[in-house]
């Protein structure tokens, strides 16, 4: 039996260019964010198509992908070094360069999904009896991210 090759915690990354240094972004991880969830969804168009020979038959359902959406959620502790960067980003409404990556991607596979991210939500929590403030953020790509392949 051959075991699956898996990706480790530190090999799935979310990196942003807080300084917005296009055309050559300088990416950094968001300090304090420990958990990252990436959600890729497709919006479908559904069309009912009749049978031309026998219209009494149930309609055939055909589906086409209309758009692709990629969102990222991150959670962890509210790091002081990220406080100003995240709040400035949120209140500015800026869309900044970012990428999500699989640092263990095999040669020829997608290593990074790259695009412009919008910070759509920040939540902070101070729980009774818990020693540190936690944070959750929600991010959405503006458009479909491009994919870079590991060479």
C-alpha atoms as a PDB file:
ATOM      1  CA  UNK A   1       0.000   0.000   0.000  1.00  0.00           C
ATOM      2  CA  UNK A   2       1.262   3.465  -0.874  1.00  0.00           C
ATOM      3  CA  UNK A   3       0.532   6.223   1.609  1.00  0.00           C
ATOM      4  CA  UNK A   4      -0.710   9.593   0.403  1.00  0.00           C
ATOM      5  CA  UNK A   5       1.795  12.438   0.391  1.00  0.00           C
ATOM      6  CA  UNK A   6       0.235  15.154   2.543  1.00  0.00           C
ATOM      7  CA  UNK A   7       0.711  18.863   3.043  1.00  0.00           C
ATOM      8  CA  UNK A   8       1.929  20.094   6.435  1.00  0.00           C
ATOM      9  CA  UNK A   9       0.507  23.032   8.386  1.00  0.00           C
ATOM     10  CA  UNK A  10       3.281  25.451   7.389  1.00  0.00           C
ATOM     11  CA  UNK A  11       3.076  24.476   3.697  1.00  0.00           C
ATOM     12  CA  UNK A  12      -0.392  26.017   3.120  1.00  0.00           C
ATOM     13  CA  UNK A  13       0.154  29.772   3.136  1.00  0.00           C
ATOM     14  CA  UNK A  14      -1.747  33.049   2.856  1.00  0.00           C
ATOM     15  CA  UNK A  15       0.528  35.933   1.896  1.00  0.00           C
ATOM     16  CA  UNK A  16      -0.399  39.558   1.210  1.00  0.00           C
ATOM     17  CA  UNK A  17       1.430  42.671  -0.002  1.00  0.00           C
ATOM     18  CA  UNK A  18       0.375  45.222   2.613  1.00  0.00           C
ATOM     19  CA  UNK A  19       2.468  47.939   0.904  1.00  0.00           C
ATOM     20  CA  UNK A  20       0.734  47.282  -2.451  1.00  0.00           C
ATOM     21  CA  UNK A  21       4.031  47.365  -4.353  1.00  0.00           C
ATOM     22  CA  UNK A  22       2.697  46.461  -7.802  1.00  0.00           C
ATOM     23  CA  UNK A  23       3.952  45.575 -10.366  1.00  0.00           C
ATOM     24  CA  UNK A  24       6.329  43.503  -8.178  1.00  0.00           C
ATOM     25  CA  UNK A  25       4.498  42.483  -4.984  1.00  0.00           C
ATOM     26  CA  UNK A  26       6.411  41.840  -1.779  1.00  0.00           C
ATOM     27  CA  UNK A  27       4.406  39.139  -0.002  1.00  0.00           C
ATOM     28  CA  UNK A  28       4.329  38.473   3.749  1.00  0.00           C
ATOM     29  CA  UNK A  29       2.215  36.281   5.983  1.00  0.00           C
ATOM     30  CA  UNK A  30      -0.286  37.880   8.335  1.00  0.00           C
ATOM     31  CA  UNK A  31       1.218  37.548  11.796  1.00  0.00           C
ATOM     32  CA  UNK A  32      -1.091  35.835  14.276  1.00  0.00           C
ATOM     33  CA  UNK A  33      -3.264  34.008  11.768  1.00  0.00           C
ATOM     34  CA  UNK A  34      -2.922  30.291  12.522  1.00  0.00           C
ATOM     35  CA  UNK A  35      -5.899  28.739  10.781  1.00  0.00           C
ATOM     36  CA  UNK A  36      -6.581  29.235   7.079  1.00  0.00           C
ATOM     37  CA  UNK A  37      -9.580  27.975   5.099  1.00  0.00           C
ATOM     38  CA  UNK A  38      -9.805  28.336   1.340  1.00  0.00           C
ATOM     39  CA  UNK A  39     -13.180  27.973  -0.363  1.00  0.00           C
ATOM     40  CA  UNK A  40     -13.505  27.643  -4.126  1.00  0.00           C
ATOM     41  CA  UNK A  41     -17.030  27.762  -5.528  1.00  0.00           C
ATOM     42  CA  UNK A  42     -18.584  27.845  -8.965  1.00  0.00           C
ATOM     43  CA  UNK A  43     -21.818  29.645  -9.837  1.00  0.00           C
ATOM     44  CA  UNK A  44     -23.931  27.578 -12.186  1.00  0.00           C
ATOM     45  CA  UNK A  45     -26.518  28.455 -14.792  1.00  0.00           C
ATOM     46  CA  UNK A  46     -29.226  25.825 -15.124  1.00  0.00           C
ATOM     47  CA  UNK A  47     -31.229  25.323 -18.323  1.00  0.00           C
ATOM     48  CA  UNK A  48     -34.153  22.982 -18.856  1.00  0.00           C
ATOM     49  CA  UNK A  49     -33.988  21.408 -22.320  1.00  0.00           C
ATOM     50  CA  UNK A  50     -36.962  19.549 -23.818  1.00  0.00           C
ATOM     51  CA  UNK A  51     -36.777  16.294 -25.760  1.00  0.00           C
ATOM     52  CA  UNK A  52     -37.498  17.299 -29.378  1.00  0.00           C
ATOM     53  CA  UNK A  53     -39.009  13.938 -30.289  1.00  0.00           C
ATOM     54  CA  UNK A  54     -41.276  13.518 -27.246  1.00  0.00           C
ATOM     55  CA  UNK A  55     -42.155  16.697 -25.371  1.00  0.00           C
ATOM     56  CA  UNK A  56     -44.111  14.684 -22.782  1.00  0.00           C
ATOM     57  CA  UNK A  57     -40.821  13.432 -21.315  1.00  0.00           C
ATOM     58  CA  UNK A  58     -39.291  15.219 -18.336  1.00  0.00           C
ATOM     59  CA  UNK A  59     -36.991  18.038 -19.320  1.00  0.00           C
ATOM     60  CA  UNK A  60     -33.258  17.405 -19.341  1.00  0.00           C
ATOM     61  CA  UNK A  61     -31.286  19.630 -16.957  1.00  0.00           C
ATOM     62  CA  UNK A  62     -28.066  21.100 -18.348  1.00  0.00           C
ATOM     63  CA  UNK A  63     -25.620  23.125 -16.281  1.00  0.00           C
ATOM     64  CA  UNK A  64     -22.852  25.524 -17.226  1.00  0.00           C
ATOM     65  CA  UNK A  65     -20.339  27.225 -14.967  1.00  0.00           C
ATOM     66  CA  UNK A  66     -20.886  30.981 -15.109  1.00  0.00           C
ATOM     67  CA  UNK A  67     -18.210  32.141 -12.660  1.00  0.00           C
ATOM     68  CA  UNK A  68     -15.615  30.957 -10.171  1.00  0.00           C
ATOM     69  CA  UNK A  69     -15.218  32.520  -6.722  1.00  0.00           C
ATOM     70  CA  UNK A  70     -12.361  32.034  -4.261  1.00  0.00           C
ATOM     71  CA  UNK A  71     -12.607  33.177  -0.655  1.00  0.00           C
ATOM     72  CA  UNK A  72     -10.223  32.824   2.267  1.00  0.00           C
ATOM     73  CA  UNK A  73     -10.927  32.748   5.993  1.00  0.00           C
ATOM     74  CA  UNK A  74      -8.180  33.039   8.560  1.00  0.00           C
ATOM     75  CA  UNK A  75      -8.209  32.889  12.334  1.00  0.00           C
ATOM     76  CA  UNK A  76      -5.772  33.124  15.189  1.00  0.00           C
ATOM     77  CA  UNK A  77      -4.581  35.622  17.747  1.00  0.00           C
ATOM     78  CA  UNK A  78      -4.751  39.396  17.260  1.00  0.00           C
ATOM     79  CA  UNK A  79      -1.058  40.200  16.861  1.00  0.00           C
ATOM     80  CA  UNK A  80      -0.059  43.777  17.641  1.00  0.00           C
ATOM     81  CA  UNK A  81       2.145  43.806  14.530  1.00  0.00           C
ATOM     82  CA  UNK A  82      -0.943  43.096  12.381  1.00  0.00           C
ATOM     83  CA  UNK A  83      -3.332  45.503  14.135  1.00  0.00           C
ATOM     84  CA  UNK A  84      -2.537  48.629  12.127  1.00  0.00           C
ATOM     85  CA  UNK A  85      -2.031  46.777   8.837  1.00  0.00           C
ATOM     86  CA  UNK A  86      -5.363  44.946   8.980  1.00  0.00           C
ATOM     87  CA  UNK A  87      -7.420  47.900  10.223  1.00  0.00           C
ATOM     88  CA  UNK A  88      -5.851  50.250   7.644  1.00  0.00           C
ATOM     89  CA  UNK A  89      -6.594  47.706   4.910  1.00  0.00           C
ATOM     90  CA  UNK A  90     -10.193  47.238   6.045  1.00  0.00           C
ATOM     91  CA  UNK A  91     -11.064  50.919   6.429  1.00  0.00           C
ATOM     92  CA  UNK A  92      -9.336  51.921   3.183  1.00  0.00           C
ATOM     93  CA  UNK A  93     -11.424  49.472   1.156  1.00  0.00           C
ATOM     94  CA  UNK A  94      -8.269  48.781  -0.838  1.00  0.00           C
ATOM     95  CA  UNK A  95      -7.806  45.700  -2.959  1.00  0.00           C
ATOM     96  CA  UNK A  96      -4.231  44.496  -2.501  1.00  0.00           C
ATOM     97  CA  UNK A  97      -2.064  41.797  -4.089  1.00  0.00           C
ATOM     98  CA  UNK A  98      -2.172  38.444  -2.348  1.00  0.00           C
ATOM     99  CA  UNK A  99      -1.590  34.771  -2.926  1.00  0.00           C
ATOM    100  CA  UNK A 100      -2.496  31.461  -1.373  1.00  0.00           C
ATOM    101  CA  UNK A 101      -0.062  28.646  -1.801  1.00  0.00           C
ATOM    102  CA  UNK A 102       0.782  25.010  -1.468  1.00  0.00           C
ATOM    103  CA  UNK A 103       4.520  25.052  -0.831  1.00  0.00           C
ATOM    104  CA  UNK A 104       4.673  21.279  -1.250  1.00  0.00           C
ATOM    105  CA  UNK A 105       3.123  21.296  -4.734  1.00  0.00           C
ATOM    106  CA  UNK A 106       4.679  18.800  -7.116  1.00  0.00           C
ATOM    107  CA  UNK A 107       6.489  20.072 -10.189  1.00  0.00           C
ATOM    108  CA  UNK A 108       3.825  20.918 -12.786  1.00  0.00           C
ATOM    109  CA  UNK A 109       1.053  21.426 -10.179  1.00  0.00           C
ATOM    110  CA  UNK A 110      -0.435  24.721  -8.995  1.00  0.00           C
ATOM    111  CA  UNK A 111       1.815  26.231  -6.342  1.00  0.00           C
ATOM    112  CA  UNK A 112       0.109  29.628  -5.919  1.00  0.00           C
ATOM    113  CA  UNK A 113      -3.265  31.185  -6.658  1.00  0.00           C
ATOM    114  CA  UNK A 114      -2.502  34.869  -7.163  1.00  0.00           C
ATOM    115  CA  UNK A 115      -4.743  37.906  -7.393  1.00  0.00           C
ATOM    116  CA  UNK A 116      -6.158  40.949  -5.691  1.00  0.00           C
ATOM    117  CA  UNK A 117      -7.845  40.426  -2.302  1.00  0.00           C
ATOM    118  CA  UNK A 118     -10.459  42.490  -0.501  1.00  0.00           C
ATOM    119  CA  UNK A 119     -10.671  42.304   3.287  1.00  0.00           C
ATOM    120  CA  UNK A 120     -14.420  41.953   3.846  1.00  0.00           C
ATOM    121  CA  UNK A 121     -14.655  41.153   7.562  1.00  0.00           C
ATOM    122  CA  UNK A 122     -12.662  41.384  10.798  1.00  0.00           C
ATOM    123  CA  UNK A 123     -13.904  39.901  14.056  1.00  0.00           C
ATOM    124  CA  UNK A 124     -12.137  40.115  17.399  1.00  0.00           C
ATOM    125  CA  UNK A 125     -13.056  38.258  20.540  1.00  0.00           C
ATOM    126  CA  UNK A 126     -12.058  38.506  24.169  1.00  0.00           C
ATOM    127  CA  UNK A 127     -13.410  35.462  25.968  1.00  0.00           C
ATOM    128  CA  UNK A 128     -13.977  35.350  29.694  1.00  0.00           C
ATOM    129  CA  UNK A 129     -10.978  33.748  31.328  1.00  0.00           C
ATOM    130  CA  UNK A 130      -9.032  33.437  28.096  1.00  0.00           C
ATOM    131  CA  UNK A 131      -5.628  35.102  28.106  1.00  0.00           C
ATOM    132  CA  UNK A 132      -5.435  36.481  24.547  1.00  0.00           C
ATOM    133  CA  UNK A 133      -7.631  38.325  22.084  1.00  0.00           C
ATOM    134  CA  UNK A 134      -8.476  36.217  19.033  1.00  0.00           C
ATOM    135  CA  UNK A 135      -9.282  37.300  15.506  1.00  0.00           C
ATOM    136  CA  UNK A 136     -11.047  36.038  12.404  1.00  0.00           C
ATOM    137  CA  UNK A 137     -10.831  37.634   8.985  1.00  0.00           C
ATOM    138  CA  UNK A 138     -12.652  37.032   5.711  1.00  0.00           C
ATOM    139  CA  UNK A 139     -11.084  37.802   2.342  1.00  0.00           C
ATOM    140  CA  UNK A 140     -12.407  37.634  -1.206  1.00  0.00           C
ATOM    141  CA  UNK A 141     -10.493  37.647  -4.479  1.00  0.00           C
ATOM    142  CA  UNK A 142     -11.557  40.442  -6.831  1.00  0.00           C
ATOM    143  CA  UNK A 143     -11.917  38.272  -9.920  1.00  0.00           C
ATOM    144  CA  UNK A 144     -10.641  34.784 -10.493  1.00  0.00           C
ATOM    145  CA  UNK A 145      -7.072  34.328  -9.233  1.00  0.00           C
ATOM    146  CA  UNK A 146      -4.426  33.246 -11.704  1.00  0.00           C
ATOM    147  CA  UNK A 147      -2.506  30.076 -10.986  1.00  0.00           C
ATOM    148  CA  UNK A 148       1.247  29.697 -11.042  1.00  0.00           C
ATOM    149  CA  UNK A 149       2.747  26.293 -11.630  1.00  0.00           C
ATOM    150  CA  UNK A 150       5.727  24.963  -9.706  1.00  0.00           C
ATOM    151  CA  UNK A 151       8.711  24.595 -11.985  1.00  0.00           C
END
